[in-house]
PDB file of N, CA and C in Angstrom:
ATOM      1  N   MET A   1    -335.097 119.896   9.150  1.00  0.00           N
ATOM      2  CA  MET A   1    -334.311 121.056   9.513  1.00  0.00           C
ATOM      3  C   MET A   1    -335.130 122.022  10.365  1.00  0.00           C
ATOM      4  N   LYS A   2    -336.405 122.193  10.026  1.00  0.00           N
ATOM      5  CA  LYS A   2    -337.249 123.108  10.796  1.00  0.00           C
ATOM      6  C   LYS A   2    -337.399 122.621  12.231  1.00  0.00           C
ATOM      7  N   THR A   3    -337.485 121.296  12.409  1.00  0.00           N
ATOM      8  CA  THR A   3    -337.649 120.732  13.744  1.00  0.00           C
ATOM      9  C   THR A   3    -336.423 121.019  14.600  1.00  0.00           C
ATOM     10  N   LYS A   4    -335.226 120.849  14.020  1.00  0.00           N
ATOM     11  CA  LYS A   4    -334.012 121.134  14.778  1.00  0.00           C
ATOM     12  C   LYS A   4    -333.929 122.608  15.144  1.00  0.00           C
ATOM     13  N   ALA A   5    -334.333 123.468  14.235  1.00  0.00           N
ATOM     14  CA  ALA A   5    -334.311 124.904  14.523  1.00  0.00           C
ATOM     15  C   ALA A   5    -335.285 125.233  15.644  1.00  0.00           C
ATOM     16  N   LEU A   6    -336.475 124.621  15.612  1.00  0.00           N
ATOM     17  CA  LEU A   6    -337.475 124.849  16.653  1.00  0.00           C
ATOM     18  C   LEU A   6    -336.960 124.342  17.998  1.00  0.00           C
ATOM     19  N   LEU A   7    -336.347 123.156  18.004  1.00  0.00           N
ATOM     20  CA  LEU A   7    -335.799 122.609  19.242  1.00  0.00           C
ATOM     21  C   LEU A   7    -334.713 123.521  19.807  1.00  0.00           C
ATOM     22  N   PHE A   8    -333.877 124.036  18.929  1.00  0.00           N
ATOM     23  CA  PHE A   8    -332.806 124.923  19.357  1.00  0.00           C
ATOM     24  C   PHE A   8    -333.373 126.205  19.966  1.00  0.00           C
ATOM     25  N   ILE A   9    -334.373 126.775  19.332  1.00  0.00           N
ATOM     26  CA  ILE A   9    -334.992 128.008  19.842  1.00  0.00           C
ATOM     27  C   ILE A   9    -335.653 127.756  21.185  1.00  0.00           C
ATOM     28  N   LEU A  10    -336.383 126.634  21.317  1.00  0.00           N
ATOM     29  CA  LEU A  10    -337.019 126.309  22.591  1.00  0.00           C
ATOM     30  C   LEU A  10    -335.973 126.080  23.674  1.00  0.00           C
ATOM     31  N   ALA A  11    -334.873 125.424  23.316  1.00  0.00           N
ATOM     32  CA  ALA A  11    -333.813 125.186  24.290  1.00  0.00           C
ATOM     33  C   ALA A  11    -333.222 126.496  24.788  1.00  0.00           C
ATOM     34  N   LEU A  12    -333.032 127.439  23.887  1.00  0.00           N
ATOM     35  CA  LEU A  12    -332.467 128.727  24.287  1.00  0.00           C
ATOM     36  C   LEU A  12    -333.428 129.533  25.144  1.00  0.00           C
ATOM     37  N   THR A  13    -334.726 129.411  24.903  1.00  0.00           N
ATOM     38  CA  THR A  13    -335.684 130.176  25.704  1.00  0.00           C
ATOM     39  C   THR A  13    -335.791 129.635  27.118  1.00  0.00           C
ATOM     40  N   CYS A  14    -335.485 128.362  27.311  1.00  0.00           N
ATOM     41  CA  CYS A  14    -335.591 127.772  28.640  1.00  0.00           C
ATOM     42  C   CYS A  14    -334.356 128.040  29.494  1.00  0.00           C
ATOM     43  N   ALA A  15    -333.223 128.300  28.878  1.00  0.00           N
ATOM     44  CA  ALA A  15    -331.973 128.461  29.616  1.00  0.00           C
ATOM     45  C   ALA A  15    -331.973 129.621  30.612  1.00  0.00           C
ATOM     46  N   PRO A  16    -332.523 130.805  30.293  1.00  0.00           N
ATOM     47  CA  PRO A  16    -332.429 131.916  31.241  1.00  0.00           C
ATOM     48  C   PRO A  16    -333.117 131.666  32.577  1.00  0.00           C
ATOM     49  N   PHE A  17    -334.079 130.764  32.619  1.00  0.00           N
ATOM     50  CA  PHE A  17    -334.792 130.530  33.860  1.00  0.00           C
ATOM     51  C   PHE A  17    -333.959 129.746  34.865  1.00  0.00           C
ATOM     52  N   SER A  18    -332.929 129.075  34.390  1.00  0.00           N
ATOM     53  CA  SER A  18    -332.150 128.254  35.301  1.00  0.00           C
ATOM     54  C   SER A  18    -331.477 129.089  36.383  1.00  0.00           C
ATOM     55  N   VAL A  19    -331.054 130.279  36.055  1.00  0.00           N
ATOM     56  CA  VAL A  19    -330.378 131.109  37.051  1.00  0.00           C
ATOM     57  C   VAL A  19    -331.353 131.693  38.060  1.00  0.00           C
ATOM     58  N   GLN A  20    -332.632 131.648  37.772  1.00  0.00           N
ATOM     59  CA  GLN A  20    -333.613 132.180  38.709  1.00  0.00           C
ATOM     60  C   GLN A  20    -334.035 131.154  39.748  1.00  0.00           C
ATOM     61  N   ALA A  21    -333.554 129.929  39.612  1.00  0.00           N
ATOM     62  CA  ALA A  21    -333.989 128.873  40.519  1.00  0.00           C
ATOM     63  C   ALA A  21    -333.547 129.115  41.949  1.00  0.00           C
ATOM     64  N   GLN A  22    -332.389 129.707  42.118  1.00  0.00           N
ATOM     65  CA  GLN A  22    -331.877 129.937  43.457  1.00  0.00           C
ATOM     66  C   GLN A  22    -332.197 131.360  43.899  1.00  0.00           C
ATOM     67  N   THR A  23    -332.970 131.503  44.946  1.00  0.00           N
ATOM     68  CA  THR A  23    -333.362 132.805  45.450  1.00  0.00           C
ATOM     69  C   THR A  23    -333.022 132.892  46.927  1.00  0.00           C
ATOM     70  N   GLN A  24    -332.594 134.050  47.342  1.00  0.00           N
ATOM     71  CA  GLN A  24    -332.286 134.265  48.750  1.00  0.00           C
ATOM     72  C   GLN A  24    -333.563 134.630  49.507  1.00  0.00           C
ATOM     73  N   PHE A  25    -333.753 134.029  50.663  1.00  0.00           N
ATOM     74  CA  PHE A  25    -334.888 134.344  51.520  1.00  0.00           C
ATOM     75  C   PHE A  25    -334.371 134.809  52.864  1.00  0.00           C
ATOM     76  N   ASN A  26    -335.036 135.799  53.417  1.00  0.00           N
ATOM     77  CA  ASN A  26    -334.714 136.227  54.774  1.00  0.00           C
ATOM     78  C   ASN A  26    -335.380 135.262  55.732  1.00  0.00           C
ATOM     79  N   SER A  27    -334.713 134.972  56.819  1.00  0.00           N
ATOM     80  CA  SER A  27    -335.274 133.994  57.745  1.00  0.00           C
ATOM     81  C   SER A  27    -336.325 134.592  58.668  1.00  0.00           C
ATOM     82  N   TYR A  28    -336.456 135.920  58.695  1.00  0.00           N
ATOM     83  CA  TYR A  28    -337.434 136.594  59.553  1.00  0.00           C
ATOM     84  C   TYR A  28    -337.456 135.964  60.939  1.00  0.00           C
ATOM     85  N   SER A  29    -338.615 135.518  61.370  1.00  0.00           N
ATOM     86  CA  SER A  29    -338.714 134.938  62.707  1.00  0.00           C
ATOM     87  C   SER A  29    -338.829 133.421  62.643  1.00  0.00           C
ATOM     88  N   TYR A  30    -338.472 132.836  61.519  1.00  0.00           N
ATOM     89  CA  TYR A  30    -338.669 131.400  61.331  1.00  0.00           C
ATOM     90  C   TYR A  30    -337.469 130.560  61.768  1.00  0.00           C
ATOM     91  N   SER A  31    -336.406 131.184  62.196  1.00  0.00           N
ATOM     92  CA  SER A  31    -335.154 130.462  62.415  1.00  0.00           C
ATOM     93  C   SER A  31    -335.303 129.246  63.324  1.00  0.00           C
ATOM     94  N   SER A  32    -336.181 129.272  64.279  1.00  0.00           N
ATOM     95  CA  SER A  32    -336.335 128.136  65.181  1.00  0.00           C
ATOM     96  C   SER A  32    -337.433 127.182  64.720  1.00  0.00           C
ATOM     97  N   ASP A  33    -338.159 127.540  63.711  1.00  0.00           N
ATOM     98  CA  ASP A  33    -339.263 126.713  63.239  1.00  0.00           C
ATOM     99  C   ASP A  33    -338.725 125.586  62.349  1.00  0.00           C
ATOM    100  N   SER A  34    -338.802 124.364  62.834  1.00  0.00           N
ATOM    101  CA  SER A  34    -338.236 123.239  62.083  1.00  0.00           C
ATOM    102  C   SER A  34    -339.004 122.975  60.790  1.00  0.00           C
ATOM    103  N   TYR A  35    -340.295 123.262  60.776  1.00  0.00           N
ATOM    104  CA  TYR A  35    -341.070 123.064  59.542  1.00  0.00           C
ATOM    105  C   TYR A  35    -340.549 123.986  58.453  1.00  0.00           C
ATOM    106  N   TYR A  36    -340.335 125.240  58.807  1.00  0.00           N
ATOM    107  CA  TYR A  36    -339.804 126.190  57.842  1.00  0.00           C
ATOM    108  C   TYR A  36    -338.411 125.772  57.392  1.00  0.00           C
ATOM    109  N   GLN A  37    -337.582 125.350  58.323  1.00  0.00           N
ATOM    110  CA  GLN A  37    -336.222 124.940  57.980  1.00  0.00           C
ATOM    111  C   GLN A  37    -336.219 123.739  57.036  1.00  0.00           C
ATOM    112  N   THR A  38    -337.121 122.805  57.254  1.00  0.00           N
ATOM    113  CA  THR A  38    -337.234 121.645  56.372  1.00  0.00           C
ATOM    114  C   THR A  38    -337.678 122.084  54.990  1.00  0.00           C
ATOM    115  N   TRP A  39    -338.695 122.955  54.947  1.00  0.00           N
ATOM    116  CA  TRP A  39    -339.181 123.461  53.662  1.00  0.00           C
ATOM    117  C   TRP A  39    -338.069 124.226  52.939  1.00  0.00           C
ATOM    118  N   LEU A  40    -337.370 125.075  53.651  1.00  0.00           N
ATOM    119  CA  LEU A  40    -336.312 125.879  53.053  1.00  0.00           C
ATOM    120  C   LEU A  40    -335.183 125.001  52.511  1.00  0.00           C
ATOM    121  N   ALA A  41    -334.822 123.966  53.254  1.00  0.00           N
ATOM    122  CA  ALA A  41    -333.764 123.057  52.790  1.00  0.00           C
ATOM    123  C   ALA A  41    -334.187 122.367  51.491  1.00  0.00           C
ATOM    124  N   ASP A  42    -335.436 121.930  51.427  1.00  0.00           N
ATOM    125  CA  ASP A  42    -335.954 121.293  50.212  1.00  0.00           C
ATOM    126  C   ASP A  42    -335.991 122.295  49.059  1.00  0.00           C
ATOM    127  N   TYR A  43    -336.420 123.505  49.344  1.00  0.00           N
ATOM    128  CA  TYR A  43    -336.495 124.569  48.346  1.00  0.00           C
ATOM    129  C   TYR A  43    -335.113 124.867  47.759  1.00  0.00           C
ATOM    130  N   GLU A  44    -334.131 125.026  48.630  1.00  0.00           N
ATOM    131  CA  GLU A  44    -332.774 125.321  48.175  1.00  0.00           C
ATOM    132  C   GLU A  44    -332.157 124.146  47.420  1.00  0.00           C
ATOM    133  N   ALA A  45    -332.381 122.929  47.918  1.00  0.00           N
ATOM    134  CA  ALA A  45    -331.841 121.738  47.253  1.00  0.00           C
ATOM    135  C   ALA A  45    -332.458 121.578  45.863  1.00  0.00           C
ATOM    136  N   THR A  46    -333.744 121.834  45.751  1.00  0.00           N
ATOM    137  CA  THR A  46    -334.414 121.735  44.458  1.00  0.00           C
ATOM    138  C   THR A  46    -333.893 122.809  43.510  1.00  0.00           C
ATOM    139  N   GLY A  47    -333.717 124.020  44.000  1.00  0.00           N
ATOM    140  CA  GLY A  47    -333.163 125.095  43.177  1.00  0.00           C
ATOM    141  C   GLY A  47    -331.763 124.765  42.680  1.00  0.00           C
ATOM    142  N   ASN A  48    -330.936 124.204  43.563  1.00  0.00           N
ATOM    143  CA  ASN A  48    -329.587 123.807  43.161  1.00  0.00           C
ATOM    144  C   ASN A  48    -329.623 122.680  42.130  1.00  0.00           C
ATOM    145  N   ALA A  49    -330.528 121.729  42.323  1.00  0.00           N
ATOM    146  CA  ALA A  49    -330.658 120.616  41.368  1.00  0.00           C
ATOM    147  C   ALA A  49    -331.113 121.129  40.002  1.00  0.00           C
ATOM    148  N   ILE A  50    -332.025 122.103  39.990  1.00  0.00           N
ATOM    149  CA  ILE A  50    -332.471 122.693  38.718  1.00  0.00           C
ATOM    150  C   ILE A  50    -331.286 123.352  38.017  1.00  0.00           C
ATOM    151  N   ASN A  51    -330.477 124.072  38.768  1.00  0.00           N
ATOM    152  CA  ASN A  51    -329.308 124.733  38.181  1.00  0.00           C
ATOM    153  C   ASN A  51    -328.325 123.713  37.605  1.00  0.00           C
ATOM    154  N   GLU A  52    -328.106 122.613  38.315  1.00  0.00           N
ATOM    155  CA  GLU A  52    -327.199 121.574  37.826  1.00  0.00           C
ATOM    156  C   GLU A  52    -327.727 120.934  36.547  1.00  0.00           C
ATOM    157  N   VAL A  53    -329.010 120.608  36.523  1.00  0.00           N
ATOM    158  CA  VAL A  53    -329.605 120.000  35.332  1.00  0.00           C
ATOM    159  C   VAL A  53    -329.609 121.004  34.184  1.00  0.00           C
ATOM    160  N   SER A  54    -329.792 122.276  34.492  1.00  0.00           N
ATOM    161  CA  SER A  54    -329.779 123.304  33.453  1.00  0.00           C
ATOM    162  C   SER A  54    -328.400 123.408  32.800  1.00  0.00           C
ATOM    163  N   GLU A  55    -327.357 123.221  33.587  1.00  0.00           N
ATOM    164  CA  GLU A  55    -326.011 123.226  33.016  1.00  0.00           C
ATOM    165  C   GLU A  55    -325.822 122.051  32.058  1.00  0.00           C
ATOM    166  N   VAL A  56    -326.268 120.868  32.474  1.00  0.00           N
ATOM    167  CA  VAL A  56    -326.190 119.686  31.614  1.00  0.00           C
ATOM    168  C   VAL A  56    -327.018 119.915  30.358  1.00  0.00           C
ATOM    169  N   TYR A  57    -328.204 120.459  30.548  1.00  0.00           N
ATOM    170  CA  TYR A  57    -329.123 120.769  29.446  1.00  0.00           C
ATOM    171  C   TYR A  57    -328.430 121.668  28.425  1.00  0.00           C
ATOM    172  N   GLN A  58    -327.783 122.725  28.914  1.00  0.00           N
ATOM    173  CA  GLN A  58    -327.126 123.673  28.019  1.00  0.00           C
ATOM    174  C   GLN A  58    -325.938 123.026  27.318  1.00  0.00           C
ATOM    175  N   GLN A  59    -325.192 122.188  28.017  1.00  0.00           N
ATOM    176  CA  GLN A  59    -324.070 121.486  27.397  1.00  0.00           C
ATOM    177  C   GLN A  59    -324.558 120.580  26.265  1.00  0.00           C
ATOM    178  N   GLU A  60    -325.684 119.913  26.492  1.00  0.00           N
ATOM    179  CA  GLU A  60    -326.247 119.047  25.458  1.00  0.00           C
ATOM    180  C   GLU A  60    -326.703 119.869  24.255  1.00  0.00           C
ATOM    181  N   VAL A  61    -327.315 121.000  24.505  1.00  0.00           N
ATOM    182  CA  VAL A  61    -327.754 121.879  23.418  1.00  0.00           C
ATOM    183  C   VAL A  61    -326.551 122.387  22.637  1.00  0.00           C
ATOM    184  N   ASP A  62    -325.499 122.772  23.343  1.00  0.00           N
ATOM    185  CA  ASP A  62    -324.297 123.260  22.675  1.00  0.00           C
ATOM    186  C   ASP A  62    -323.657 122.167  21.823  1.00  0.00           C
ATOM    187  N   LYS A  63    -323.675 120.949  22.315  1.00  0.00           N
ATOM    188  CA  LYS A  63    -323.021 119.841  21.623  1.00  0.00           C
ATOM    189  C   LYS A  63    -323.870 119.271  20.481  1.00  0.00           C
ATOM    190  N   ARG A  64    -325.171 119.053  20.750  1.00  0.00           N
ATOM    191  CA  ARG A  64    -326.028 118.337  19.806  1.00  0.00           C
ATOM    192  C   ARG A  64    -327.049 119.222  19.095  1.00  0.00           C
ATOM    193  N   GLY A  65    -327.275 120.401  19.637  1.00  0.00           N
ATOM    194  CA  GLY A  65    -328.300 121.271  19.072  1.00  0.00           C
ATOM    195  C   GLY A  65    -329.637 121.138  19.771  1.00  0.00           C
ATOM    196  N   TYR A  66    -329.776 120.126  20.608  1.00  0.00           N
ATOM    197  CA  TYR A  66    -330.992 119.909  21.384  1.00  0.00           C
ATOM    198  C   TYR A  66    -330.633 119.042  22.595  1.00  0.00           C
ATOM    199  N   PRO A  67    -331.429 119.099  23.654  1.00  0.00           N
ATOM    200  CA  PRO A  67    -331.117 118.315  24.858  1.00  0.00           C
ATOM    201  C   PRO A  67    -331.603 116.872  24.727  1.00  0.00           C
ATOM    202  N   LYS A  68    -331.063 116.016  25.571  1.00  0.00           N
ATOM    203  CA  LYS A  68    -331.523 114.632  25.610  1.00  0.00           C
ATOM    204  C   LYS A  68    -332.884 114.576  26.297  1.00  0.00           C
ATOM    205  N   LYS A  69    -333.663 113.587  25.917  1.00  0.00           N
ATOM    206  CA  LYS A  69    -335.013 113.434  26.459  1.00  0.00           C
ATOM    207  C   LYS A  69    -334.984 113.248  27.979  1.00  0.00           C
ATOM    208  N   LYS A  70    -334.029 112.430  28.469  1.00  0.00           N
ATOM    209  CA  LYS A  70    -333.978 112.184  29.917  1.00  0.00           C
ATOM    210  C   LYS A  70    -333.651 113.453  30.695  1.00  0.00           C
ATOM    211  N   THR A  71    -332.848 114.337  30.109  1.00  0.00           N
ATOM    212  CA  THR A  71    -332.512 115.602  30.772  1.00  0.00           C
ATOM    213  C   THR A  71    -333.743 116.498  30.853  1.00  0.00           C
ATOM    214  N   VAL A  72    -334.508 116.545  29.772  1.00  0.00           N
ATOM    215  CA  VAL A  72    -335.731 117.353  29.758  1.00  0.00           C
ATOM    216  C   VAL A  72    -336.725 116.808  30.791  1.00  0.00           C
ATOM    217  N   LYS A  73    -336.872 115.488  30.852  1.00  0.00           N
ATOM    218  CA  LYS A  73    -337.796 114.880  31.824  1.00  0.00           C
ATOM    219  C   LYS A  73    -337.361 115.195  33.251  1.00  0.00           C
ATOM    220  N   LYS A  74    -336.061 115.112  33.494  1.00  0.00           N
ATOM    221  CA  LYS A  74    -335.558 115.400  34.835  1.00  0.00           C
ATOM    222  C   LYS A  74    -335.802 116.861  35.210  1.00  0.00           C
ATOM    223  N   LYS A  75    -335.567 117.754  34.263  1.00  0.00           N
ATOM    224  CA  LYS A  75    -335.780 119.177  34.522  1.00  0.00           C
ATOM    225  C   LYS A  75    -337.265 119.456  34.776  1.00  0.00           C
ATOM    226  N   ILE A  76    -338.141 118.814  34.015  1.00  0.00           N
ATOM    227  CA  ILE A  76    -339.583 118.984  34.216  1.00  0.00           C
ATOM    228  C   ILE A  76    -339.973 118.549  35.624  1.00  0.00           C
ATOM    229  N   ALA A  77    -339.484 117.382  36.045  1.00  0.00           N
ATOM    230  CA  ALA A  77    -339.830 116.878  37.381  1.00  0.00           C
ATOM    231  C   ALA A  77    -339.347 117.825  38.473  1.00  0.00           C
ATOM    232  N   LEU A  78    -338.148 118.344  38.326  1.00  0.00           N
ATOM    233  CA  LEU A  78    -337.614 119.268  39.334  1.00  0.00           C
ATOM    234  C   LEU A  78    -338.405 120.575  39.368  1.00  0.00           C
ATOM    235  N   ILE A  79    -338.742 121.089  38.207  1.00  0.00           N
ATOM    236  CA  ILE A  79    -339.505 122.344  38.162  1.00  0.00           C
ATOM    237  C   ILE A  79    -340.902 122.146  38.738  1.00  0.00           C
ATOM    238  N   GLU A  80    -341.525 121.000  38.447  1.00  0.00           N
ATOM    239  CA  GLU A  80    -342.847 120.724  39.029  1.00  0.00           C
ATOM    240  C   GLU A  80    -342.768 120.713  40.551  1.00  0.00           C
ATOM    241  N   HIS A  81    -341.720 120.094  41.093  1.00  0.00           N
ATOM    242  CA  HIS A  81    -341.544 120.065  42.544  1.00  0.00           C
ATOM    243  C   HIS A  81    -341.301 121.476  43.086  1.00  0.00           C
ATOM    244  N   TYR A  82    -340.505 122.252  42.373  1.00  0.00           N
ATOM    245  CA  TYR A  82    -340.207 123.627  42.771  1.00  0.00           C
ATOM    246  C   TYR A  82    -341.485 124.465  42.816  1.00  0.00           C
ATOM    247  N   VAL A  83    -342.339 124.315  41.811  1.00  0.00           N
ATOM    248  CA  VAL A  83    -343.609 125.043  41.767  1.00  0.00           C
ATOM    249  C   VAL A  83    -344.494 124.620  42.937  1.00  0.00           C
ATOM    250  N   GLU A  84    -344.509 123.333  43.247  1.00  0.00           N
ATOM    251  CA  GLU A  84    -345.301 122.864  44.392  1.00  0.00           C
ATOM    252  C   GLU A  84    -344.792 123.482  45.695  1.00  0.00           C
ATOM    253  N   LEU A  85    -343.488 123.608  45.823  1.00  0.00           N
ATOM    254  CA  LEU A  85    -342.929 124.256  47.020  1.00  0.00           C
ATOM    255  C   LEU A  85    -343.367 125.716  47.105  1.00  0.00           C
ATOM    256  N   LEU A  86    -343.364 126.397  45.975  1.00  0.00           N
ATOM    257  CA  LEU A  86    -343.813 127.797  45.963  1.00  0.00           C
ATOM    258  C   LEU A  86    -345.297 127.903  46.302  1.00  0.00           C
ATOM    259  N   LYS A  87    -346.104 126.990  45.780  1.00  0.00           N
ATOM    260  CA  LYS A  87    -347.540 126.998  46.087  1.00  0.00           C
ATOM    261  C   LYS A  87    -347.772 126.720  47.570  1.00  0.00           C
ATOM    262  N   THR A  88    -346.973 125.828  48.124  1.00  0.00           N
ATOM    263  CA  THR A  88    -347.070 125.536  49.559  1.00  0.00           C
ATOM    264  C   THR A  88    -346.739 126.782  50.365  1.00  0.00           C
ATOM    265  N   GLN A  89    -345.747 127.522  49.905  1.00  0.00           N
ATOM    266  CA  GLN A  89    -345.369 128.752  50.595  1.00  0.00           C
ATOM    267  C   GLN A  89    -346.534 129.743  50.615  1.00  0.00           C
ATOM    268  N   LEU A  90    -347.284 129.792  49.522  1.00  0.00           N
ATOM    269  CA  LEU A  90    -348.421 130.717  49.466  1.00  0.00           C
ATOM    270  C   LEU A  90    -349.565 130.295  50.381  1.00  0.00           C
ATOM    271  N   THR A  91    -349.793 128.999  50.484  1.00  0.00           N
ATOM    272  CA  THR A  91    -350.989 128.522  51.177  1.00  0.00           C
ATOM    273  C   THR A  91    -350.767 128.156  52.638  1.00  0.00           C
ATOM    274  N   ASP A  92    -349.565 127.843  53.037  1.00  0.00           N
ATOM    275  CA  ASP A  92    -349.300 127.389  54.396  1.00  0.00           C
ATOM    276  C   ASP A  92    -348.999 128.585  55.298  1.00  0.00           C
ATOM    277  N   SER A  93    -349.783 128.744  56.328  1.00  0.00           N
ATOM    278  CA  SER A  93    -349.618 129.896  57.224  1.00  0.00           C
ATOM    279  C   SER A  93    -348.284 129.863  57.969  1.00  0.00           C
ATOM    280  N   ARG A  94    -347.666 128.686  58.092  1.00  0.00           N
ATOM    281  CA  ARG A  94    -346.363 128.606  58.755  1.00  0.00           C
ATOM    282  C   ARG A  94    -345.238 129.149  57.871  1.00  0.00           C
ATOM    283  N   LEU A  95    -345.527 129.314  56.579  1.00  0.00           N
ATOM    284  CA  LEU A  95    -344.495 129.752  55.644  1.00  0.00           C
ATOM    285  C   LEU A  95    -344.731 131.141  55.077  1.00  0.00           C
ATOM    286  N   ASN A  96    -345.944 131.646  55.151  1.00  0.00           N
ATOM    287  CA  ASN A  96    -346.232 132.881  54.418  1.00  0.00           C
ATOM    288  C   ASN A  96    -346.339 134.137  55.275  1.00  0.00           C
ATOM    289  N   LYS A  97    -345.713 134.134  56.426  1.00  0.00           N
ATOM    290  CA  LYS A  97    -345.656 135.351  57.236  1.00  0.00           C
ATOM    291  C   LYS A  97    -344.729 136.342  56.538  1.00  0.00           C
ATOM    292  N   ASP A  98    -345.132 137.591  56.451  1.00  0.00           N
ATOM    293  CA  ASP A  98    -344.330 138.647  55.823  1.00  0.00           C
ATOM    294  C   ASP A  98    -343.905 138.294  54.396  1.00  0.00           C
ATOM    295  N   LEU A  99    -344.786 137.645  53.672  1.00  0.00           N
ATOM    296  CA  LEU A  99    -344.474 137.169  52.327  1.00  0.00           C
ATOM    297  C   LEU A  99    -344.961 138.153  51.274  1.00  0.00           C
ATOM    298  N   ASP A 100    -344.156 138.386  50.268  1.00  0.00           N
ATOM    299  CA  ASP A 100    -344.562 139.179  49.110  1.00  0.00           C
ATOM    300  C   ASP A 100    -345.287 138.230  48.152  1.00  0.00           C
ATOM    301  N   ARG A 101    -346.600 138.143  48.315  1.00  0.00           N
ATOM    302  CA  ARG A 101    -347.404 137.183  47.550  1.00  0.00           C
ATOM    303  C   ARG A 101    -347.303 137.421  46.047  1.00  0.00           C
ATOM    304  N   GLY A 102    -347.263 138.660  45.630  1.00  0.00           N
ATOM    305  CA  GLY A 102    -347.166 138.969  44.208  1.00  0.00           C
ATOM    306  C   GLY A 102    -345.890 138.420  43.594  1.00  0.00           C
ATOM    307  N   LYS A 103    -344.794 138.547  44.319  1.00  0.00           N
ATOM    308  CA  LYS A 103    -343.500 138.048  43.836  1.00  0.00           C
ATOM    309  C   LYS A 103    -343.536 136.532  43.682  1.00  0.00           C
ATOM    310  N   VAL A 104    -344.099 135.847  44.664  1.00  0.00           N
ATOM    311  CA  VAL A 104    -344.179 134.388  44.611  1.00  0.00           C
ATOM    312  C   VAL A 104    -345.112 133.946  43.474  1.00  0.00           C
ATOM    313  N   GLU A 105    -346.225 134.640  43.310  1.00  0.00           N
ATOM    314  CA  GLU A 105    -347.150 134.300  42.221  1.00  0.00           C
ATOM    315  C   GLU A 105    -346.503 134.528  40.854  1.00  0.00           C
ATOM    316  N   ARG A 106    -345.707 135.581  40.717  1.00  0.00           N
ATOM    317  CA  ARG A 106    -344.983 135.814  39.450  1.00  0.00           C
ATOM    318  C   ARG A 106    -343.986 134.692  39.180  1.00  0.00           C
ATOM    319  N   LYS A 107    -343.305 134.252  40.226  1.00  0.00           N
ATOM    320  CA  LYS A 107    -342.368 133.136  40.066  1.00  0.00           C
ATOM    321  C   LYS A 107    -343.095 131.876  39.616  1.00  0.00           C
ATOM    322  N   ILE A 108    -344.236 131.615  40.233  1.00  0.00           N
ATOM    323  CA  ILE A 108    -345.015 130.433  39.861  1.00  0.00           C
ATOM    324  C   ILE A 108    -345.412 130.519  38.396  1.00  0.00           C
ATOM    325  N   ASN A 109    -345.865 131.685  37.965  1.00  0.00           N
ATOM    326  CA  ASN A 109    -346.254 131.856  36.567  1.00  0.00           C
ATOM    327  C   ASN A 109    -345.076 131.659  35.623  1.00  0.00           C
ATOM    328  N   GLU A 110    -343.913 132.216  35.971  1.00  0.00           N
ATOM    329  CA  GLU A 110    -342.726 132.058  35.135  1.00  0.00           C
ATOM    330  C   GLU A 110    -342.324 130.591  35.014  1.00  0.00           C
ATOM    331  N   TRP A 111    -342.329 129.893  36.145  1.00  0.00           N
ATOM    332  CA  TRP A 111    -341.950 128.475  36.118  1.00  0.00           C
ATOM    333  C   TRP A 111    -342.982 127.647  35.360  1.00  0.00           C
ATOM    334  N   ASN A 112    -344.258 127.986  35.484  1.00  0.00           N
ATOM    335  CA  ASN A 112    -345.285 127.259  34.727  1.00  0.00           C
ATOM    336  C   ASN A 112    -345.126 127.482  33.230  1.00  0.00           C
ATOM    337  N   GLU A 113    -344.729 128.688  32.828  1.00  0.00           N
ATOM    338  CA  GLU A 113    -344.467 128.956  31.414  1.00  0.00           C
ATOM    339  C   GLU A 113    -343.299 128.102  30.925  1.00  0.00           C
ATOM    340  N   GLN A 114    -342.256 128.012  31.733  1.00  0.00           N
ATOM    341  CA  GLN A 114    -341.120 127.198  31.326  1.00  0.00           C
ATOM    342  C   GLN A 114    -341.521 125.718  31.256  1.00  0.00           C
ATOM    343  N   LEU A 115    -342.354 125.283  32.196  1.00  0.00           N
ATOM    344  CA  LEU A 115    -342.840 123.903  32.156  1.00  0.00           C
ATOM    345  C   LEU A 115    -343.575 123.620  30.851  1.00  0.00           C
ATOM    346  N   SER A 116    -344.422 124.543  30.445  1.00  0.00           N
ATOM    347  CA  SER A 116    -345.159 124.373  29.184  1.00  0.00           C
ATOM    348  C   SER A 116    -344.203 124.251  28.008  1.00  0.00           C
ATOM    349  N   GLU A 117    -343.184 125.098  27.983  1.00  0.00           N
ATOM    350  CA  GLU A 117    -342.209 125.063  26.895  1.00  0.00           C
ATOM    351  C   GLU A 117    -341.436 123.743  26.899  1.00  0.00           C
ATOM    352  N   LEU A 118    -341.054 123.282  28.076  1.00  0.00           N
ATOM    353  CA  LEU A 118    -340.318 122.029  28.170  1.00  0.00           C
ATOM    354  C   LEU A 118    -341.195 120.834  27.763  1.00  0.00           C
ATOM    355  N   GLN A 119    -342.466 120.866  28.126  1.00  0.00           N
ATOM    356  CA  GLN A 119    -343.361 119.786  27.748  1.00  0.00           C
ATOM    357  C   GLN A 119    -343.593 119.765  26.230  1.00  0.00           C
ATOM    358  N   MET A 120    -343.660 120.935  25.607  1.00  0.00           N
ATOM    359  CA  MET A 120    -343.761 120.994  24.142  1.00  0.00           C
ATOM    360  C   MET A 120    -342.481 120.438  23.517  1.00  0.00           C
ATOM    361  N   LEU A 121    -341.364 120.810  24.068  1.00  0.00           N
ATOM    362  CA  LEU A 121    -340.083 120.319  23.562  1.00  0.00           C
ATOM    363  C   LEU A 121    -339.999 118.801  23.710  1.00  0.00           C
ATOM    364  N   LEU A 122    -340.448 118.279  24.825  1.00  0.00           N
ATOM    365  CA  LEU A 122    -340.399 116.835  25.071  1.00  0.00           C
ATOM    366  C   LEU A 122    -341.202 116.075  24.026  1.00  0.00           C
ATOM    367  N   LYS A 123    -342.320 116.621  23.607  1.00  0.00           N
ATOM    368  CA  LYS A 123    -343.149 115.962  22.587  1.00  0.00           C
ATOM    369  C   LYS A 123    -342.432 115.927  21.234  1.00  0.00           C
ATOM    370  N   LYS A 124    -341.539 116.879  20.991  1.00  0.00           N
ATOM    371  CA  LYS A 124    -340.860 116.973  19.706  1.00  0.00           C
ATOM    372  C   LYS A 124    -339.559 116.178  19.644  1.00  0.00           C
ATOM    373  N   ILE A 125    -339.045 115.785  20.789  1.00  0.00           N
ATOM    374  CA  ILE A 125    -337.768 115.039  20.825  1.00  0.00           C
ATOM    375  C   ILE A 125    -338.033 113.592  20.466  1.00  0.00           C
TER     376      ILE A 125
END
């Protein structure tokens, strides 16, 4: 019983981050830069995929009390990719013009915290 309660609590703590996956970015002067456009398309697609998996995740939690292992693994993989995209944004000079570095670093930290929680949950499923 304690394990199910712990899984339920961990599942609920991970849900609020799903809505943060999609963020609006100003195009600044990058509109003609194909590298930026490719990165942005990947960033947005990954954010949308995280939101979709988060919906499935929440439905599973509502139905079973905990998510399926494959859903957790999929969400982990998407979040890892999302974090890599954010790190690329910080380090690549083609992407970090007029960038609020503190905001991006906070996002990376938040997503890494969620990754840790999901990895703990995965070990318990």
